[in-house]
Amino acid sequence: MDAKLDQAAALWTTRRIRSYLLLQPICVPRR
């Protein structure tokens, strides 16, 4: 296993989760 590849994958996953959490409130209408 490559340490750099693992770190890059972790960073990419964090970015996806962070962007998903940021876009979620916008997609779901609040009452």
Protein backbone atom coordinates (compact mmCIF):
# COMPACT_ATOMS: atom_id res chain seq x y z
CA MET A 1 0.00 0.00 0.00
CA ASP A 2 1.29 3.45 -0.90
CA ALA A 3 1.13 5.96 1.94
CA LYS A 4 0.73 8.90 -0.44
CA LEU A 5 -2.09 7.17 -2.29
CA ASP A 6 -3.87 6.38 0.97
CA GLN A 7 -3.52 9.98 2.13
CA ALA A 8 -4.80 11.29 -1.19
CA ALA A 9 -7.80 8.95 -1.01
CA ALA A 10 -8.59 10.09 2.53
CA LEU A 11 -8.36 13.73 1.48
CA TRP A 12 -10.60 13.13 -1.54
CA THR A 13 -13.18 11.34 0.63
CA THR A 14 -13.12 14.21 3.12
CA ARG A 15 -13.70 16.70 0.32
CA ARG A 16 -16.62 14.67 -1.04
CA ILE A 17 -18.24 14.38 2.39
CA ARG A 18 -17.64 18.05 3.15
CA SER A 19 -19.08 19.18 -0.19
CA TYR A 20 -22.04 16.79 0.27
CA LEU A 21 -22.81 18.23 3.70
CA LEU A 22 -22.56 21.76 2.30
CA LEU A 23 -24.87 21.02 -0.63
CA GLN A 24 -27.40 19.01 1.37
CA PRO A 25 -29.07 21.96 3.20
CA ILE A 26 -29.42 23.78 -0.13
CA CYS A 27 -31.12 20.85 -1.86
CA VAL A 28 -33.52 20.17 1.01
CA PRO A 29 -36.01 23.02 1.48
CA ARG A 30 -36.41 24.26 5.05
CA ARG A 31 -39.80 25.17 6.44
